[in-house]
Amino acid sequence: MGGVSEHAAGPVTDAPRDLPDLLRRLVHRDPDRTIAVDTGPAGETIPVTRAELWTRTRRLATELETAGVGRGDCVAVWMPNWSDALAWQFAVAARGAHVIGINTRYQVDDVTHLLDRARPVLVALAHDFHGLDLFSRLRAAVDASSAPAPAVAVVPGPGRAPVDDPSGSDVGAGAWSPAADGDAPDPEPSDPSDLVAAFTTSGSTGLPKLAAHRGAGVIAHAVADAAAMGVTDDDAVLCVLPLSGVFGFNAAMAGLAGGATCVLEPVFDPDTVLDHIEGHRITHLATGDDLGLRLQQAQAARPRDLSSWRWWGLGDFQGRSRELAEWAGAAFGTSVTGIYGSSEAFALLSFWPDDEPAPRRRSAGGRVVHDGIEIRVADPVTEELLPDGTEGELQFRGPNVVDDYLGSPEVIARSFTGDGWFRSGDLGFLVEPGVFVYTCRMGDALRLRGFLVDPAEIEVRLAAHPEVHTAKVVGATDPDGATLAVAFVVAEDGTKPDPDALRDWCAEGLARFKVPHSVRVIDEMPTTSGTNGTKIRAATLREWAAEL
């Protein structure tokens, strides 16, 4: 089994000039090497060489120029994980414009918000994907939006017939379909200081913001991630999270920067994903524990040879990452690390090196991927800087940090300190310079009997009970104003855990003040499916806890 990088942070050297230059360099190294693997409409495998993707990118950049797309414009890309999405990202960047990705699950209100904020001049729309009528959603969103109607480029997708008449997708500014063949000249170098990609935030404090990043930051981060992950030309990265989200985007860009093959999953089906890990000899994967649980269950039902799987960057969305790390490490020898990131500061901003022992290696945080990323911890109230080991707000500075919020320029001022550090809104502490542990969102921390408690401590204990499948802990306020910990759990199939017994279970392993005031067994967690994975809606649970 190949080794993973020791993950020593260092300067990003010899980085490509811009995104098109990244692809151009790969072609010069080996034009016939597979850069991406698509899945066709019948489940067939469709390999794409570096030269093929570069030809498609050049041709598309020329078409975008003809369509009037230029520097500073926004192009919305509404399609699944197809190699077309990569070509659109490279070609739009070549025009000095930027992409806002739209998740194929987005509904009319979501798209209306994006149109209002990003005001794209063009929407690249997947045609007839998975039975979804994306055009009707777009039509309704355009009607509801205050933004000018965008042009529409209808994209048929891999293995599908060209669109004969795209005029039916016109929402007011014309419609066309990219050419299926032909060549075009190399695009002129773009300015790396131009915005190239934007991502929706979680929207935990209102409507989602659109965090935009410059080309120089995207390139620097991709090169650093590839080096820290140990990605090489002989590797294969499974791109299972949507490219429209920062998690999926950064994983794919790391794969490309390292010269690996990106195996693209347009939909998530655990059996198909496991078949692809085995069949394509996948070496690197980045997901949340929500998808990880489904992979574990599917592997138990039908085992595959997953011995090629070297590295797993695992996000802890549902409190199950530690047991999944133990499973993958024991079963396949996979090196599993906790990670950290956000739409504003990039995903895979940090993770732990191979030699970091458990259990800390499984926690969110780690070492920043290059020394251009600075991190400090400040008191959330006084803004006083805190020493190593003292918990406070994580603040960042560097090329990875958000450069603009599309349609919301006023947000930039309040997102940064007076001396230019990005306020993450996350609690954590420094281990040493450039190395940190993430605790939780500042709004999720509980003050129990005077002690600041990370709900994950209680959740991990509950999830270790054999009758508990998932646990989430939130705070509720009692009549005297004190905070009470309320736990919600979903039972394992075929079990009926007793709430009082679960409290006793917590008391056996936790300090008394951490034992939840009450435990409620529910059928399923309220969740939200975003571009980075499925997360439990803590706000809904807090409402339920208040009612109780």
Protein backbone atom coordinates (compact mmCIF):
# COMPACT_ATOMS: atom_id res chain seq x y z
CA MET A 1 0.00 0.00 0.00
CA GLY A 2 1.37 3.39 -0.94
CA GLY A 3 2.09 5.90 1.78
CA VAL A 4 0.31 9.18 2.38
CA SER A 5 2.25 12.42 2.69
CA GLU A 6 3.64 13.24 6.11
CA HIS A 7 1.68 16.46 5.67
CA ALA A 8 4.38 18.93 6.59
CA ALA A 9 3.01 22.39 5.84
CA GLY A 10 5.15 24.42 3.48
CA PRO A 11 5.00 27.07 0.80
CA VAL A 12 3.09 26.41 -2.40
CA THR A 13 5.73 26.40 -5.15
CA ASP A 14 5.57 26.20 -8.92
CA ALA A 15 1.78 26.49 -8.87
CA PRO A 16 -0.05 26.87 -12.19
CA ARG A 17 -0.75 30.46 -13.19
CA ASP A 18 -4.52 29.98 -13.33
CA LEU A 19 -7.09 27.19 -13.58
CA PRO A 20 -6.72 26.68 -17.35
CA ASP A 21 -2.96 26.48 -16.86
CA LEU A 22 -3.46 23.57 -14.43
CA LEU A 23 -5.22 21.58 -17.14
CA ARG A 24 -2.77 22.71 -19.80
CA ARG A 25 0.18 21.41 -17.74
CA LEU A 26 -1.47 18.04 -17.24
CA VAL A 27 -1.95 17.70 -21.00
CA HIS A 28 1.69 18.55 -21.67
CA ARG A 29 2.80 15.90 -19.19
CA ASP A 30 0.67 13.09 -20.61
CA PRO A 31 -2.23 13.95 -22.94
CA ASP A 32 -3.56 10.39 -23.13
CA ARG A 33 -3.83 9.73 -19.39
CA THR A 34 -7.38 9.49 -18.06
CA ILE A 35 -8.30 12.61 -16.10
CA ALA A 36 -11.93 11.79 -15.36
CA VAL A 37 -14.35 8.89 -15.47
CA ASP A 38 -18.01 9.64 -16.19
CA THR A 39 -20.99 7.38 -15.65
CA GLY A 40 -23.34 7.23 -18.62
CA PRO A 41 -27.14 7.05 -18.53
CA ALA A 42 -27.11 3.24 -18.51
CA GLY A 43 -24.40 3.06 -15.84
CA GLU A 44 -21.61 2.58 -18.37
CA THR A 45 -18.09 3.84 -17.68
CA ILE A 46 -16.90 6.68 -19.93
CA PRO A 47 -13.21 7.60 -19.54
CA VAL A 48 -12.09 11.12 -20.49
CA THR A 49 -8.45 11.85 -21.30
CA ARG A 50 -6.64 15.02 -20.36
CA ALA A 51 -6.43 16.01 -24.03
CA GLU A 52 -10.16 15.46 -24.52
CA LEU A 53 -11.07 17.63 -21.54
CA TRP A 54 -8.66 20.35 -22.67
CA THR A 55 -10.13 20.34 -26.19
CA ARG A 56 -13.61 20.63 -24.73
CA THR A 57 -12.49 23.48 -22.46
CA ARG A 58 -10.88 25.44 -25.30
CA ARG A 59 -13.93 25.01 -27.49
CA LEU A 60 -16.27 26.08 -24.69
CA ALA A 61 -14.16 29.14 -23.81
CA THR A 62 -14.47 30.29 -27.43
CA GLU A 63 -18.24 29.76 -27.33
CA LEU A 64 -18.48 31.73 -24.09
CA GLU A 65 -16.61 34.59 -25.72
CA THR A 66 -19.07 34.53 -28.61
CA ALA A 67 -21.93 34.52 -26.10
CA GLY A 68 -20.53 37.68 -24.52
CA VAL A 69 -19.33 36.16 -21.24
CA GLY A 70 -16.42 38.25 -19.99
CA ARG A 71 -14.43 39.37 -17.00
CA GLY A 72 -16.43 39.73 -13.82
CA ASP A 73 -19.48 37.89 -15.12
CA CYS A 74 -21.14 35.06 -13.22
CA VAL A 75 -22.10 31.74 -14.82
CA ALA A 76 -24.37 29.36 -12.91
CA VAL A 77 -23.56 25.68 -13.50
CA TRP A 78 -26.54 23.49 -12.68
CA MET A 79 -25.50 19.93 -13.33
CA PRO A 80 -24.37 16.81 -11.46
CA ASN A 81 -20.84 15.47 -11.20
CA TRP A 82 -20.07 15.27 -14.89
CA SER A 83 -16.77 16.03 -16.58
CA ASP A 84 -18.77 18.79 -18.29
CA ALA A 85 -18.89 20.58 -14.94
CA LEU A 86 -15.08 20.55 -14.86
CA ALA A 87 -14.87 21.84 -18.43
CA TRP A 88 -17.28 24.65 -17.58
CA GLN A 89 -15.24 25.63 -14.52
CA PHE A 90 -12.01 25.82 -16.52
CA ALA A 91 -13.60 27.59 -19.50
CA VAL A 92 -15.46 30.18 -17.40
CA ALA A 93 -12.23 30.93 -15.50
CA ALA A 94 -10.46 31.40 -18.84
CA ARG A 95 -12.93 34.20 -19.59
CA GLY A 96 -12.15 35.96 -16.29
CA ALA A 97 -15.64 35.03 -15.07
CA HIS A 98 -16.74 32.95 -12.09
CA VAL A 99 -18.96 29.92 -11.49
CA ILE A 100 -21.69 29.56 -8.91
CA GLY A 101 -22.62 25.90 -8.67
CA ILE A 102 -26.25 24.88 -8.22
CA ASN A 103 -27.05 21.59 -6.54
CA THR A 104 -29.40 19.41 -8.59
CA ARG A 105 -31.55 19.06 -5.44
CA TYR A 106 -32.21 22.80 -5.26
CA GLN A 107 -35.82 23.85 -5.60
CA VAL A 108 -37.36 27.07 -6.89
CA ASP A 109 -36.78 29.21 -3.78
CA ASP A 110 -33.14 28.13 -3.55
CA VAL A 111 -32.51 29.01 -7.20
CA THR A 112 -34.39 32.30 -6.93
CA HIS A 113 -32.10 33.35 -4.09
CA LEU A 114 -29.02 32.47 -6.16
CA LEU A 115 -30.31 34.42 -9.15
CA ASP A 116 -31.02 37.45 -6.98
CA ARG A 117 -27.59 37.43 -5.33
CA ALA A 118 -25.26 36.14 -8.06
CA ARG A 119 -27.14 37.58 -11.08
CA PRO A 120 -25.63 35.10 -13.57
CA VAL A 121 -25.56 36.09 -17.23
CA LEU A 122 -25.74 32.44 -18.23
CA VAL A 123 -27.00 29.18 -16.72
CA ALA A 124 -25.43 25.90 -17.89
CA LEU A 125 -28.33 23.51 -17.43
CA ALA A 126 -28.17 19.70 -17.37
CA HIS A 127 -30.65 18.28 -19.86
CA ASP A 128 -32.90 15.39 -18.82
CA PHE A 129 -30.83 14.23 -15.85
CA HIS A 130 -32.23 11.52 -13.59
CA GLY A 131 -35.80 12.44 -14.49
CA LEU A 132 -35.41 15.93 -12.98
CA ASP A 133 -37.18 18.81 -14.68
CA LEU A 134 -34.54 21.42 -13.90
CA PHE A 135 -35.82 23.71 -16.64
CA SER A 136 -39.24 24.12 -15.01
CA ARG A 137 -37.54 25.02 -11.73
CA LEU A 138 -35.35 27.55 -13.54
CA ARG A 139 -38.33 29.03 -15.36
CA ALA A 140 -40.22 29.51 -12.09
CA ALA A 141 -37.14 30.95 -10.36
CA VAL A 142 -36.56 33.45 -13.16
CA ASP A 143 -40.20 34.55 -12.90
CA ALA A 144 -39.82 35.05 -9.14
CA SER A 145 -36.41 36.75 -9.28
CA SER A 146 -35.66 40.45 -9.56
CA ALA A 147 -32.52 39.68 -11.60
CA PRO A 148 -32.41 39.93 -15.40
CA ALA A 149 -33.18 36.65 -17.15
CA PRO A 150 -29.99 34.72 -17.96
CA ALA A 151 -29.17 32.98 -21.21
CA VAL A 152 -29.29 29.18 -21.01
CA ALA A 153 -26.77 26.66 -22.32
CA VAL A 154 -28.34 23.21 -22.47
CA VAL A 155 -25.79 20.46 -21.64
CA PRO A 156 -26.77 16.89 -22.64
CA GLY A 157 -24.20 15.17 -20.40
CA PRO A 158 -21.87 12.19 -20.94
CA GLY A 159 -23.05 9.41 -23.22
CA ARG A 160 -26.19 11.30 -24.20
CA ALA A 161 -27.32 12.50 -27.62
CA PRO A 162 -26.82 16.18 -28.50
CA VAL A 163 -29.74 18.52 -27.92
CA ASP A 164 -31.20 19.18 -31.37
CA ASP A 165 -33.30 22.23 -30.48
CA PRO A 166 -32.32 24.09 -27.28
CA SER A 167 -34.75 26.95 -27.96
CA GLY A 168 -37.35 25.33 -25.70
CA SER A 169 -35.08 26.16 -22.74
CA ASP A 170 -35.10 29.90 -23.40
CA VAL A 171 -36.14 31.86 -20.28
CA GLY A 172 -35.84 35.26 -21.90
CA ALA A 173 -32.25 35.80 -23.01
CA GLY A 174 -31.75 33.03 -25.56
CA ALA A 175 -30.67 29.39 -25.36
CA TRP A 176 -27.97 27.34 -27.05
CA SER A 177 -26.16 24.04 -26.65
CA PRO A 178 -22.36 23.59 -26.61
CA ALA A 179 -20.81 22.11 -29.73
CA ALA A 180 -20.06 18.40 -29.52
CA ASP A 181 -16.89 18.52 -31.63
CA GLY A 182 -14.39 20.87 -33.22
CA ASP A 183 -11.26 22.56 -31.93
CA ALA A 184 -10.35 26.07 -30.80
CA PRO A 185 -7.17 27.96 -29.85
CA ASP A 186 -5.74 28.04 -26.35
CA PRO A 187 -7.35 30.77 -24.28
CA GLU A 188 -5.32 33.80 -23.28
CA PRO A 189 -4.01 33.67 -19.68
CA SER A 190 -6.55 34.95 -17.18
CA ASP A 191 -5.88 37.20 -14.21
CA PRO A 192 -5.44 35.02 -11.10
CA SER A 193 -6.87 37.84 -9.01
CA ASP A 194 -10.28 37.40 -10.70
CA LEU A 195 -13.03 35.52 -8.88
CA VAL A 196 -13.45 31.99 -10.28
CA ALA A 197 -15.76 30.05 -7.94
CA ALA A 198 -18.47 30.73 -5.37
CA PHE A 199 -20.23 28.44 -2.91
CA THR A 200 -23.36 28.70 -0.79
CA THR A 201 -22.85 28.85 2.96
CA SER A 202 -24.94 26.78 5.33
CA GLY A 203 -27.43 29.57 5.89
CA SER A 204 -27.45 28.97 9.67
CA THR A 205 -27.97 32.68 10.32
CA GLY A 206 -30.49 33.47 7.58
CA LEU A 207 -30.46 33.02 3.84
CA PRO A 208 -27.29 31.38 2.52
CA LYS A 209 -24.47 33.68 1.50
CA LEU A 210 -22.44 33.10 -1.65
CA ALA A 211 -18.77 32.99 -0.70
CA ALA A 212 -16.57 33.75 -3.71
CA HIS A 213 -12.86 33.00 -4.17
CA ARG A 214 -10.14 34.23 -6.50
CA GLY A 215 -8.28 31.99 -8.92
CA ALA A 216 -4.97 32.36 -7.09
CA GLY A 217 -6.51 31.05 -3.88
CA VAL A 218 -8.17 28.09 -5.62
CA ILE A 219 -4.91 27.07 -7.30
CA ALA A 220 -2.78 27.47 -4.17
CA HIS A 221 -5.22 25.39 -2.15
CA ALA A 222 -5.52 22.65 -4.76
CA VAL A 223 -1.75 22.25 -5.03
CA ALA A 224 -1.33 22.22 -1.24
CA ASP A 225 -4.16 19.72 -0.70
CA ALA A 226 -2.73 17.36 -3.33
CA ALA A 227 0.70 17.45 -1.68
CA ALA A 228 -0.69 16.96 1.84
CA MET A 229 -2.95 14.10 0.72
CA GLY A 230 -0.10 12.44 -1.20
CA VAL A 231 -1.98 12.46 -4.53
CA THR A 232 0.02 11.39 -7.60
CA ASP A 233 -0.57 10.57 -11.27
CA ASP A 234 -1.11 6.92 -10.36
CA ASP A 235 -3.95 7.63 -7.94
CA ALA A 236 -7.73 7.80 -8.31
CA VAL A 237 -9.90 10.21 -6.34
CA LEU A 238 -13.58 9.38 -5.91
CA CYS A 239 -15.65 12.55 -6.38
CA VAL A 240 -18.86 11.60 -4.65
CA LEU A 241 -19.91 14.95 -3.16
CA PRO A 242 -21.40 17.54 -5.54
CA LEU A 243 -18.86 19.69 -7.36
CA SER A 244 -21.26 22.59 -6.72
CA GLY A 245 -20.28 22.50 -3.04
CA VAL A 246 -16.94 23.47 -1.55
CA PHE A 247 -16.26 19.98 -0.12
CA GLY A 248 -16.70 18.22 -3.46
CA PHE A 249 -15.02 21.03 -5.39
CA ASN A 250 -11.85 21.11 -3.28
CA ALA A 251 -11.53 17.32 -3.30
CA ALA A 252 -11.77 17.26 -7.10
CA MET A 253 -9.31 20.15 -7.50
CA ALA A 254 -6.84 18.38 -5.23
CA GLY A 255 -7.13 15.28 -7.39
CA LEU A 256 -6.54 17.28 -10.58
CA ALA A 257 -3.62 19.22 -9.08
CA GLY A 258 -1.97 15.92 -8.11
CA GLY A 259 -2.53 14.44 -11.58
CA ALA A 260 -4.95 11.75 -10.39
CA THR A 261 -8.00 10.37 -12.16
CA CYS A 262 -11.26 11.84 -10.83
CA VAL A 263 -14.01 9.22 -10.79
CA LEU A 264 -17.22 11.24 -10.88
CA GLU A 265 -20.41 10.04 -9.20
CA PRO A 266 -23.47 11.90 -10.58
CA VAL A 267 -25.73 10.34 -7.91
CA PHE A 268 -24.87 8.65 -4.64
CA ASP A 269 -25.71 4.97 -4.55
CA PRO A 270 -23.63 3.12 -1.94
CA ASP A 271 -23.40 -0.12 -3.90
CA THR A 272 -22.28 1.68 -7.05
CA VAL A 273 -19.77 3.73 -5.08
CA LEU A 274 -18.27 0.60 -3.51
CA ASP A 275 -18.15 -1.11 -6.91
CA HIS A 276 -16.26 1.92 -8.25
CA ILE A 277 -13.81 1.93 -5.34
CA GLU A 278 -13.03 -1.69 -6.13
CA GLY A 279 -13.17 -1.46 -9.93
CA HIS A 280 -11.28 1.82 -10.38
CA ARG A 281 -8.86 1.13 -7.51
CA ILE A 282 -9.78 4.32 -5.70
CA THR A 283 -7.04 5.64 -3.41
CA HIS A 284 -8.57 8.85 -1.98
CA LEU A 285 -12.04 9.75 -0.76
CA ALA A 286 -13.47 12.71 1.16
CA THR A 287 -17.01 12.53 2.57
CA GLY A 288 -19.08 13.14 5.65
CA ASP A 289 -19.96 10.37 8.07
CA ASP A 290 -23.55 10.44 6.77
CA LEU A 291 -22.42 8.85 3.50
CA GLY A 292 -19.81 6.80 5.31
CA LEU A 293 -22.48 5.01 7.32
CA ARG A 294 -24.26 3.99 4.13
CA LEU A 295 -21.02 2.69 2.65
CA GLN A 296 -20.35 0.66 5.79
CA GLN A 297 -23.81 -0.91 5.66
CA ALA A 298 -23.56 -1.73 1.94
CA GLN A 299 -20.09 -3.25 2.40
CA ALA A 300 -21.39 -5.45 5.20
CA ALA A 301 -24.18 -6.71 2.94
CA ARG A 302 -21.87 -7.44 -0.02
CA PRO A 303 -18.12 -7.21 0.65
CA ARG A 304 -15.74 -5.82 -1.99
CA ASP A 305 -11.98 -5.62 -2.24
CA LEU A 306 -11.28 -2.07 -1.02
CA SER A 307 -7.58 -2.56 -0.33
CA SER A 308 -6.60 0.29 -2.69
CA TRP A 309 -8.37 2.84 -0.47
CA ARG A 310 -5.46 4.67 1.21
CA TRP A 311 -6.87 7.95 2.50
CA TRP A 312 -10.25 9.10 3.81
CA GLY A 313 -10.91 12.69 4.85
CA LEU A 314 -13.98 12.30 7.04
CA GLY A 315 -16.35 15.06 8.14
CA ASP A 316 -18.26 14.52 11.37
CA PHE A 317 -21.82 15.53 10.50
CA GLN A 318 -23.72 12.93 12.52
CA GLY A 319 -21.30 12.00 15.30
CA ARG A 320 -20.24 8.66 13.79
CA SER A 321 -16.81 9.44 12.34
CA ARG A 322 -14.80 7.77 15.09
CA GLU A 323 -16.38 4.35 14.67
CA LEU A 324 -16.16 4.65 10.88
CA ALA A 325 -12.45 5.46 11.18
CA GLU A 326 -11.93 2.32 13.23
CA TRP A 327 -13.89 0.27 10.70
CA ALA A 328 -12.03 1.47 7.59
CA GLY A 329 -8.64 1.30 9.30
CA ALA A 330 -9.14 -2.23 10.53
CA ALA A 331 -10.86 -3.58 7.41
CA PHE A 332 -8.81 -2.00 4.61
CA GLY A 333 -5.81 -0.29 6.20
CA THR A 334 -7.26 3.09 5.24
CA SER A 335 -5.67 6.15 6.83
CA VAL A 336 -8.65 8.12 8.16
CA THR A 337 -8.37 11.70 9.35
CA GLY A 338 -10.71 14.32 10.68
CA ILE A 339 -10.86 17.43 8.52
CA TYR A 340 -11.98 21.04 8.73
CA GLY A 341 -13.30 23.59 6.28
CA SER A 342 -16.09 25.90 5.23
CA SER A 343 -17.43 27.67 2.17
CA GLU A 344 -15.58 30.80 3.28
CA ALA A 345 -12.22 29.19 4.07
CA PHE A 346 -12.30 26.16 1.74
CA ALA A 347 -12.85 22.52 2.60
CA LEU A 348 -9.81 20.35 3.37
CA LEU A 349 -8.26 23.44 4.95
CA SER A 350 -6.62 21.15 7.48
CA PHE A 351 -6.34 17.51 8.51
CA TRP A 352 -4.04 15.33 10.57
CA PRO A 353 -0.79 13.70 9.42
CA ASP A 354 -0.37 9.94 9.36
CA ASP A 355 1.61 9.80 12.57
CA GLU A 356 -0.99 11.64 14.66
CA PRO A 357 -2.38 9.00 17.05
CA ALA A 358 -6.06 8.35 17.70
CA PRO A 359 -8.33 9.62 19.10
CA ARG A 360 -7.26 13.17 18.18
CA ARG A 361 -6.57 12.15 14.59
CA ARG A 362 -10.27 11.46 14.18
CA SER A 363 -11.35 14.87 15.44
CA ALA A 364 -12.05 17.86 13.21
CA GLY A 365 -9.11 20.18 12.75
CA GLY A 366 -5.51 19.20 12.10
CA ARG A 367 -2.57 20.94 10.46
CA VAL A 368 -3.26 23.61 7.86
CA VAL A 369 -2.24 22.38 4.42
CA HIS A 370 0.26 25.15 3.72
CA ASP A 371 1.95 27.84 5.76
CA GLY A 372 0.25 30.64 3.85
CA ILE A 373 -2.84 29.82 5.93
CA GLU A 374 -2.60 31.56 9.29
CA ILE A 375 -4.78 30.70 12.26
CA ARG A 376 -5.29 32.23 15.67
CA VAL A 377 -7.80 31.87 18.51
CA ALA A 378 -9.56 34.84 20.12
CA ASP A 379 -12.00 35.35 22.95
CA PRO A 380 -15.45 35.64 21.28
CA VAL A 381 -16.46 38.50 23.58
CA THR A 382 -13.32 40.54 24.31
CA GLU A 383 -11.45 39.56 21.09
CA GLU A 384 -8.33 39.06 23.22
CA LEU A 385 -5.92 36.57 21.63
CA LEU A 386 -5.73 33.31 23.55
CA PRO A 387 -2.76 31.00 24.21
CA ASP A 388 -2.40 27.45 22.91
CA GLY A 389 -4.86 25.04 24.52
CA THR A 390 -7.42 27.73 25.40
CA GLU A 391 -10.74 27.51 23.63
CA GLY A 392 -12.07 30.45 21.65
CA GLU A 393 -13.15 31.53 18.17
CA LEU A 394 -11.01 30.21 15.31
CA GLN A 395 -9.88 33.03 13.03
CA PHE A 396 -8.09 32.66 9.69
CA ARG A 397 -6.04 34.72 7.27
CA GLY A 398 -4.60 33.67 3.91
CA PRO A 399 -5.35 33.02 0.23
CA ASN A 400 -7.97 30.44 1.19
CA VAL A 401 -10.23 33.00 2.86
CA VAL A 402 -13.35 34.36 1.15
CA ASP A 403 -12.70 37.32 -1.17
CA ASP A 404 -16.27 38.49 -1.70
CA TYR A 405 -19.91 37.64 -1.03
CA LEU A 406 -21.86 37.77 -4.27
CA GLY A 407 -24.69 40.26 -3.99
CA SER A 408 -23.85 41.02 -0.34
CA PRO A 409 -20.72 43.22 -0.22
CA GLU A 410 -21.73 44.57 3.18
CA VAL A 411 -21.19 41.12 4.71
CA ILE A 412 -17.43 41.28 4.14
CA ALA A 413 -16.94 44.07 6.70
CA ARG A 414 -18.63 42.24 9.55
CA SER A 415 -17.00 38.90 8.65
CA PHE A 416 -13.51 40.20 9.39
CA THR A 417 -11.75 41.68 12.39
CA GLY A 418 -10.31 45.18 12.25
CA ASP A 419 -6.87 43.74 11.51
CA GLY A 420 -8.07 41.53 8.66
CA TRP A 421 -8.74 38.07 10.15
CA PHE A 422 -11.79 36.06 9.10
CA ARG A 423 -14.21 35.31 11.92
CA SER A 424 -15.15 31.64 11.45
CA GLY A 425 -17.86 31.48 14.11
CA ASP A 426 -16.31 28.16 15.21
CA LEU A 427 -14.93 27.24 18.61
CA GLY A 428 -11.59 25.49 18.89
CA PHE A 429 -8.09 25.73 20.29
CA LEU A 430 -4.53 25.78 19.03
CA VAL A 431 -2.28 22.81 19.68
CA GLU A 432 0.77 24.56 18.21
CA PRO A 433 1.23 27.08 15.40
CA GLY A 434 -0.77 25.90 12.38
CA VAL A 435 -2.35 22.96 14.24
CA PHE A 436 -5.75 23.16 15.91
CA VAL A 437 -8.75 21.21 17.15
CA TYR A 438 -12.26 22.26 16.16
CA THR A 439 -14.81 21.97 18.95
CA CYS A 440 -18.18 23.09 17.58
CA ARG A 441 -20.07 26.04 16.19
CA MET A 442 -20.15 28.86 18.72
CA GLY A 443 -23.95 28.73 18.76
CA ASP A 444 -23.96 24.97 19.50
CA ALA A 445 -21.79 24.98 22.64
CA LEU A 446 -23.68 24.38 25.89
CA ARG A 447 -23.02 26.11 29.23
CA LEU A 448 -23.94 23.40 31.73
CA ARG A 449 -23.63 24.26 35.42
CA GLY A 450 -21.01 26.84 34.57
CA PHE A 451 -18.94 24.57 32.32
CA LEU A 452 -18.67 25.02 28.54
CA VAL A 453 -19.50 21.62 26.97
CA ASP A 454 -19.23 20.43 23.40
CA PRO A 455 -22.45 18.49 22.65
CA ALA A 456 -20.37 16.00 20.65
CA GLU A 457 -18.95 14.60 23.92
CA ILE A 458 -22.43 13.51 24.96
CA GLU A 459 -23.38 12.40 21.45
CA VAL A 460 -20.35 10.12 21.16
CA ARG A 461 -21.21 8.49 24.48
CA LEU A 462 -24.84 7.91 23.45
CA ALA A 463 -23.87 6.58 20.02
CA ALA A 464 -21.63 4.01 21.70
CA HIS A 465 -24.72 2.37 23.22
CA PRO A 466 -25.63 -0.77 21.23
CA GLU A 467 -29.27 0.32 20.86
CA VAL A 468 -28.50 3.85 19.55
CA HIS A 469 -27.99 4.52 15.85
CA THR A 470 -27.71 8.33 15.91
CA ALA A 471 -27.64 10.91 18.68
CA LYS A 472 -27.85 14.69 18.75
CA VAL A 473 -27.75 16.93 21.81
CA VAL A 474 -29.08 20.49 21.98
CA GLY A 475 -29.71 23.02 24.69
CA ALA A 476 -33.01 24.16 26.18
CA THR A 477 -33.58 26.85 28.81
CA ASP A 478 -35.36 26.03 32.07
CA PRO A 479 -37.64 28.53 33.88
CA ASP A 480 -34.70 29.76 35.95
CA GLY A 481 -32.65 30.57 32.85
CA ALA A 482 -30.21 27.66 33.14
CA THR A 483 -29.27 25.60 30.10
CA LEU A 484 -30.38 21.98 30.03
CA ALA A 485 -28.92 19.33 27.71
CA VAL A 486 -31.65 17.50 25.79
CA ALA A 487 -30.66 14.42 23.79
CA PHE A 488 -32.52 13.06 20.78
CA VAL A 489 -31.69 9.55 19.63
CA VAL A 490 -32.69 7.28 16.78
CA ALA A 491 -32.72 3.61 17.75
CA GLU A 492 -30.97 0.80 15.96
CA ASP A 493 -33.37 -1.34 13.96
CA GLY A 494 -35.26 -3.79 16.12
CA THR A 495 -34.44 -2.10 19.44
CA LYS A 496 -36.38 0.09 21.89
CA PRO A 497 -33.90 1.91 24.10
CA ASP A 498 -35.16 3.13 27.45
CA PRO A 499 -34.47 6.88 27.96
CA ASP A 500 -33.65 6.48 31.64
CA ALA A 501 -31.26 3.64 30.85
CA LEU A 502 -29.54 5.87 28.31
CA ARG A 503 -29.09 8.59 30.94
CA ASP A 504 -27.58 5.98 33.26
CA TRP A 505 -25.30 4.91 30.40
CA CYS A 506 -24.09 8.50 30.05
CA ALA A 507 -23.54 8.78 33.80
CA GLU A 508 -21.24 5.76 33.69
CA GLY A 509 -18.85 7.49 31.30
CA LEU A 510 -19.34 11.23 31.69
CA ALA A 511 -19.17 13.84 34.43
CA ARG A 512 -22.53 14.33 36.08
CA PHE A 513 -23.02 17.83 34.66
CA LYS A 514 -22.72 16.38 31.14
CA VAL A 515 -25.49 13.81 31.60
CA PRO A 516 -28.47 14.98 29.52
CA HIS A 517 -31.43 16.32 31.45
CA SER A 518 -33.70 14.22 29.24
CA VAL A 519 -33.43 11.74 26.39
CA ARG A 520 -36.05 11.53 23.67
CA VAL A 521 -36.25 8.58 21.27
CA ILE A 522 -37.49 9.67 17.83
CA ASP A 523 -38.12 7.82 14.57
CA GLU A 524 -35.71 9.88 12.49
CA MET A 525 -33.61 13.01 12.72
CA PRO A 526 -34.72 16.17 10.95
CA THR A 527 -32.06 16.68 8.30
CA THR A 528 -31.09 19.02 5.53
CA SER A 529 -29.32 17.82 2.40
CA GLY A 530 -26.72 20.31 1.26
CA THR A 531 -23.90 20.30 -1.24
CA ASN A 532 -21.49 18.87 1.33
CA GLY A 533 -23.68 16.10 2.74
CA THR A 534 -26.70 15.48 4.93
CA LYS A 535 -26.61 17.31 8.25
CA ILE A 536 -28.92 17.12 11.24
CA ARG A 537 -31.00 20.27 11.68
CA ALA A 538 -30.03 21.29 15.19
CA ALA A 539 -32.29 24.35 15.02
CA THR A 540 -35.35 22.12 14.61
CA LEU A 541 -34.25 19.96 17.54
CA ARG A 542 -33.83 23.08 19.67
CA GLU A 543 -37.42 24.02 18.85
CA TRP A 544 -38.58 20.55 19.88
CA ALA A 545 -36.54 20.75 23.09
CA ALA A 546 -38.08 24.12 23.95
CA GLU A 547 -41.58 22.72 23.47
CA LEU A 548 -40.75 19.79 25.76
